[in-house]
C-alpha atoms as a PDB file:
ATOM      1  CA  MET A   1      45.838  19.505  15.469  1.00  0.00           C
ATOM      2  CA  ALA A   2      46.143  22.587  17.641  1.00  0.00           C
ATOM      3  CA  GLY A   3      48.138  25.505  16.007  1.00  0.00           C
ATOM      4  CA  ALA A   4      49.956  28.521  16.847  1.00  0.00           C
ATOM      5  CA  PHE A   5      48.104  31.430  18.337  1.00  0.00           C
ATOM      6  CA  ASN A   6      46.409  34.001  16.854  1.00  0.00           C
ATOM      7  CA  ASP A   7      44.897  37.733  17.335  1.00  0.00           C
ATOM      8  CA  ARG A   8      41.319  36.417  17.707  1.00  0.00           C
ATOM      9  CA  ALA A   9      41.963  33.775  19.869  1.00  0.00           C
ATOM     10  CA  LEU A  10      44.790  35.377  22.345  1.00  0.00           C
ATOM     11  CA  LEU A  11      42.559  38.931  22.350  1.00  0.00           C
ATOM     12  CA  ILE A  12      39.036  37.542  22.984  1.00  0.00           C
ATOM     13  CA  GLY A  13      40.202  34.289  25.064  1.00  0.00           C
ATOM     14  CA  ALA A  14      41.963  37.205  27.862  1.00  0.00           C
ATOM     15  CA  SER A  15      38.608  38.821  27.895  1.00  0.00           C
ATOM     16  CA  LEU A  16      36.552  35.661  28.506  1.00  0.00           C
ATOM     17  CA  ALA A  17      39.543  34.824  31.419  1.00  0.00           C
ATOM     18  CA  GLN A  18      38.854  37.829  33.128  1.00  0.00           C
ATOM     19  CA  LEU A  19      35.051  37.010  33.229  1.00  0.00           C
ATOM     20  CA  ALA A  20      36.611  33.452  34.587  1.00  0.00           C
ATOM     21  CA  THR A  21      38.780  34.732  37.193  1.00  0.00           C
ATOM     22  CA  THR A  22      35.588  37.015  38.928  1.00  0.00           C
ATOM     23  CA  GLY A  23      34.542  34.382  41.102  1.00  0.00           C
ATOM     24  CA  HIS A  24      31.608  34.095  39.394  1.00  0.00           C
ATOM     25  CA  ALA A  25      29.988  30.923  37.994  1.00  0.00           C
ATOM     26  CA  VAL A  26      29.817  31.443  34.429  1.00  0.00           C
ATOM     27  CA  THR A  27      28.975  30.010  31.479  1.00  0.00           C
ATOM     28  CA  ILE A  28      29.627  30.860  27.902  1.00  0.00           C
ATOM     29  CA  HIS A  29      28.057  29.842  24.770  1.00  0.00           C
ATOM     30  CA  GLU A  30      29.917  30.246  21.094  1.00  0.00           C
ATOM     31  CA  ARG A  31      27.588  30.849  18.443  1.00  0.00           C
ATOM     32  CA  PRO A  32      27.849  29.516  15.475  1.00  0.00           C
ATOM     33  CA  GLY A  33      28.216  31.711  12.343  1.00  0.00           C
ATOM     34  CA  LEU A  34      29.840  35.444  12.406  1.00  0.00           C
ATOM     35  CA  GLU A  35      33.466  34.147  12.266  1.00  0.00           C
ATOM     36  CA  ARG A  36      33.142  32.999  15.951  1.00  0.00           C
ATOM     37  CA  CYS A  37      32.614  36.233  17.609  1.00  0.00           C
ATOM     38  CA  LEU A  38      28.691  36.343  18.632  1.00  0.00           C
ATOM     39  CA  PHE A  39      28.896  34.245  22.615  1.00  0.00           C
ATOM     40  CA  ASP A  40      25.761  33.350  24.741  1.00  0.00           C
ATOM     41  CA  ILE A  41      27.052  34.854  28.273  1.00  0.00           C
ATOM     42  CA  ARG A  42      25.553  32.900  31.347  1.00  0.00           C
ATOM     43  CA  SER A  43      25.530  33.836  35.436  1.00  0.00           C
ATOM     44  CA  GLN A  44      23.450  32.871  37.710  1.00  0.00           C
ATOM     45  CA  ASP A  45      19.675  34.684  36.704  1.00  0.00           C
ATOM     46  CA  ALA A  46      21.689  37.151  34.279  1.00  0.00           C
ATOM     47  CA  VAL A  47      21.804  36.158  30.254  1.00  0.00           C
ATOM     48  CA  SER A  48      23.674  38.465  27.811  1.00  0.00           C
ATOM     49  CA  SER A  49      24.278  37.889  23.901  1.00  0.00           C
ATOM     50  CA  VAL A  50      27.820  39.208  23.372  1.00  0.00           C
ATOM     51  CA  LEU A  51      29.288  40.070  19.936  1.00  0.00           C
ATOM     52  CA  PHE A  52      33.114  40.596  20.181  1.00  0.00           C
ATOM     53  CA  LYS A  53      34.769  42.624  17.638  1.00  0.00           C
ATOM     54  CA  TYR A  54      38.855  43.471  18.364  1.00  0.00           C
ATOM     55  CA  SER A  55      41.551  45.745  17.532  1.00  0.00           C
ATOM     56  CA  THR A  56      45.275  44.859  17.159  1.00  0.00           C
ATOM     57  CA  ARG A  57      46.171  48.416  17.278  1.00  0.00           C
ATOM     58  CA  ARG A  58      48.627  49.050  20.005  1.00  0.00           C
ATOM     59  CA  LYS A  59      47.586  52.127  21.486  1.00  0.00           C
ATOM     60  CA  SER A  60      44.261  54.581  21.576  1.00  0.00           C
ATOM     61  CA  PRO A  61      41.535  55.020  19.592  1.00  0.00           C
ATOM     62  CA  TRP A  62      41.057  52.141  18.619  1.00  0.00           C
ATOM     63  CA  TYR A  63      38.869  51.451  15.801  1.00  0.00           C
ATOM     64  CA  PHE A  64      36.075  48.885  14.814  1.00  0.00           C
ATOM     65  CA  THR A  65      33.787  48.256  12.402  1.00  0.00           C
ATOM     66  CA  VAL A  66      30.301  46.662  12.484  1.00  0.00           C
ATOM     67  CA  ASN A  67      28.641  45.029   9.097  1.00  0.00           C
ATOM     68  CA  ARG A  68      25.066  44.873   8.512  1.00  0.00           C
ATOM     69  CA  GLU A  69      25.179  40.854   9.597  1.00  0.00           C
ATOM     70  CA  GLN A  70      26.846  41.422  12.582  1.00  0.00           C
ATOM     71  CA  LEU A  71      24.426  44.208  13.843  1.00  0.00           C
ATOM     72  CA  ASP A  72      22.012  41.900  12.650  1.00  0.00           C
ATOM     73  CA  ALA A  73      22.557  38.840  14.168  1.00  0.00           C
ATOM     74  CA  LEU A  74      23.072  40.573  17.621  1.00  0.00           C
ATOM     75  CA  GLY A  75      19.687  42.382  17.126  1.00  0.00           C
ATOM     76  CA  GLY A  76      17.493  39.447  16.334  1.00  0.00           C
ATOM     77  CA  ARG A  77      19.266  37.218  19.309  1.00  0.00           C
ATOM     78  CA  ALA A  78      16.675  35.839  21.474  1.00  0.00           C
ATOM     79  CA  PRO A  79      13.417  38.186  21.412  1.00  0.00           C
ATOM     80  CA  ALA A  80      13.341  37.678  25.368  1.00  0.00           C
ATOM     81  CA  LEU A  81      16.525  39.067  25.732  1.00  0.00           C
ATOM     82  CA  PRO A  82      15.798  42.837  26.085  1.00  0.00           C
ATOM     83  CA  PRO A  83      18.612  45.143  24.237  1.00  0.00           C
ATOM     84  CA  SER A  84      20.352  46.365  27.189  1.00  0.00           C
ATOM     85  CA  ARG A  85      21.641  42.637  27.436  1.00  0.00           C
ATOM     86  CA  ARG A  86      22.938  42.655  23.919  1.00  0.00           C
ATOM     87  CA  PHE A  87      26.298  44.239  23.668  1.00  0.00           C
ATOM     88  CA  PHE A  88      29.643  44.476  21.560  1.00  0.00           C
ATOM     89  CA  ALA A  89      32.806  43.608  23.749  1.00  0.00           C
ATOM     90  CA  LEU A  90      34.848  45.844  22.244  1.00  0.00           C
ATOM     91  CA  VAL A  91      38.226  44.949  23.032  1.00  0.00           C
ATOM     92  CA  CYS A  92      41.289  47.424  22.469  1.00  0.00           C
ATOM     93  CA  HIS A  93      44.446  44.946  21.907  1.00  0.00           C
ATOM     94  CA  THR A  94      45.786  44.185  25.075  1.00  0.00           C
ATOM     95  CA  ASP A  95      43.951  47.322  27.397  1.00  0.00           C
ATOM     96  CA  GLY A  96      40.776  46.566  28.089  1.00  0.00           C
ATOM     97  CA  VAL A  97      37.274  45.613  27.261  1.00  0.00           C
ATOM     98  CA  CYS A  98      34.834  48.066  26.604  1.00  0.00           C
ATOM     99  CA  LEU A  99      31.046  47.376  26.893  1.00  0.00           C
ATOM    100  CA  VAL A 100      28.974  48.686  24.953  1.00  0.00           C
ATOM    101  CA  SER A 101      25.376  47.626  24.714  1.00  0.00           C
ATOM    102  CA  LEU A 102      22.832  47.093  21.586  1.00  0.00           C
ATOM    103  CA  ASP A 103      21.351  50.729  23.003  1.00  0.00           C
ATOM    104  CA  ASP A 104      24.583  52.478  23.388  1.00  0.00           C
ATOM    105  CA  PHE A 105      25.464  52.076  20.119  1.00  0.00           C
ATOM    106  CA  TYR A 106      22.054  53.350  18.388  1.00  0.00           C
ATOM    107  CA  GLU A 107      22.551  56.802  20.623  1.00  0.00           C
ATOM    108  CA  ILE A 108      25.675  56.899  17.998  1.00  0.00           C
ATOM    109  CA  VAL A 109      24.756  55.219  14.799  1.00  0.00           C
ATOM    110  CA  SER A 110      21.754  55.832  12.969  1.00  0.00           C
ATOM    111  CA  VAL A 111      20.942  52.802  11.203  1.00  0.00           C
ATOM    112  CA  ARG A 112      19.622  53.709   7.358  1.00  0.00           C
ATOM    113  CA  ARG A 113      17.871  51.096   5.998  1.00  0.00           C
ATOM    114  CA  GLN A 114      20.735  51.341   2.594  1.00  0.00           C
ATOM    115  CA  ASP A 115      24.099  51.499   4.861  1.00  0.00           C
ATOM    116  CA  GLN A 116      25.993  48.106   5.182  1.00  0.00           C
ATOM    117  CA  GLN A 117      28.986  48.845   8.017  1.00  0.00           C
ATOM    118  CA  TRP A 118      29.629  51.608  10.766  1.00  0.00           C
ATOM    119  CA  GLY A 119      32.944  52.766  12.331  1.00  0.00           C
ATOM    120  CA  ILE A 120      32.862  53.123  15.618  1.00  0.00           C
ATOM    121  CA  SER A 121      36.033  54.503  18.184  1.00  0.00           C
ATOM    122  CA  VAL A 122      37.389  53.744  21.429  1.00  0.00           C
ATOM    123  CA  SER A 123      39.331  56.533  22.922  1.00  0.00           C
ATOM    124  CA  ARG A 124      41.359  56.061  26.738  1.00  0.00           C
ATOM    125  CA  PRO A 125      43.502  58.794  27.297  1.00  0.00           C
ATOM    126  CA  GLN A 126      45.403  57.481  30.726  1.00  0.00           C
ATOM    127  CA  SER A 127      44.380  57.046  33.720  1.00  0.00           C
ATOM    128  CA  THR A 128      40.601  57.570  32.336  1.00  0.00           C
ATOM    129  CA  GLN A 129      37.561  55.801  31.250  1.00  0.00           C
ATOM    130  CA  TYR A 130      36.715  54.713  27.345  1.00  0.00           C
ATOM    131  CA  ARG A 131      35.247  57.212  25.306  1.00  0.00           C
ATOM    132  CA  VAL A 132      33.281  56.005  22.048  1.00  0.00           C
ATOM    133  CA  SER A 133      32.074  57.508  19.154  1.00  0.00           C
ATOM    134  CA  GLY A 134      30.553  56.861  16.256  1.00  0.00           C
ATOM    135  CA  PRO A 135      30.348  57.456  12.633  1.00  0.00           C
ATOM    136  CA  GLY A 136      31.006  61.250  12.164  1.00  0.00           C
ATOM    137  CA  ARG A 137      32.483  61.360  15.524  1.00  0.00           C
ATOM    138  CA  GLU A 138      28.962  61.197  17.070  1.00  0.00           C
ATOM    139  CA  PRO A 139      30.200  60.662  20.394  1.00  0.00           C
ATOM    140  CA  LEU A 140      28.330  58.783  23.270  1.00  0.00           C
ATOM    141  CA  ASP A 141      27.148  61.468  26.055  1.00  0.00           C
ATOM    142  CA  ARG A 142      29.044  59.267  29.251  1.00  0.00           C
ATOM    143  CA  THR A 143      32.018  57.329  29.394  1.00  0.00           C
ATOM    144  CA  ILE A 144      32.383  53.741  29.686  1.00  0.00           C
ATOM    145  CA  PRO A 145      34.574  51.999  32.646  1.00  0.00           C
ATOM    146  CA  ARG A 146      37.418  49.837  32.271  1.00  0.00           C
ATOM    147  CA  SER A 147      35.299  47.479  34.619  1.00  0.00           C
ATOM    148  CA  ARG A 148      32.514  47.782  32.809  1.00  0.00           C
ATOM    149  CA  TRP A 149      33.664  44.502  31.123  1.00  0.00           C
ATOM    150  CA  THR A 150      33.271  42.595  34.535  1.00  0.00           C
ATOM    151  CA  THR A 151      30.718  43.926  36.269  1.00  0.00           C
ATOM    152  CA  GLU A 152      28.008  44.289  34.125  1.00  0.00           C
ATOM    153  CA  ILE A 153      27.711  40.596  32.750  1.00  0.00           C
ATOM    154  CA  PHE A 154      26.604  39.749  36.213  1.00  0.00           C
ATOM    155  CA  GLN A 155      24.576  41.849  36.591  1.00  0.00           C
ATOM    156  CA  VAL A 156      20.750  40.796  36.681  1.00  0.00           C
END
């Protein structure tokens, strides 16, 4: 029985709809578990593994928590898939998707065996690109364009 849309359905669904309306042929496969937030996305020769996180905060900055299970699932996906093709899609309410690669994540987060979760924040001053910071406000050394979501997923 169909019910009302929840925040997950609306925000992740809108993000996936952006990919579907680019003109590229795309296949999206939801992986089991992890609160149904890990997807394999294929387009021609490009294959990506994408873990969605979303924030319902209306304005920047947006906050996200990545837990050990999520990091292990994304890191352990398809060993032949390089870390540069594994992403966190950080859905910043209705502002857009900040696409952070697993490589980007490791630049701002020191992962220690005893740690169980890590906080990431995304900000976007008006008319600029996304700025990403990890724990202790460790910034990513570059900004992320809003268009990265709909371009990098299709790059080989």
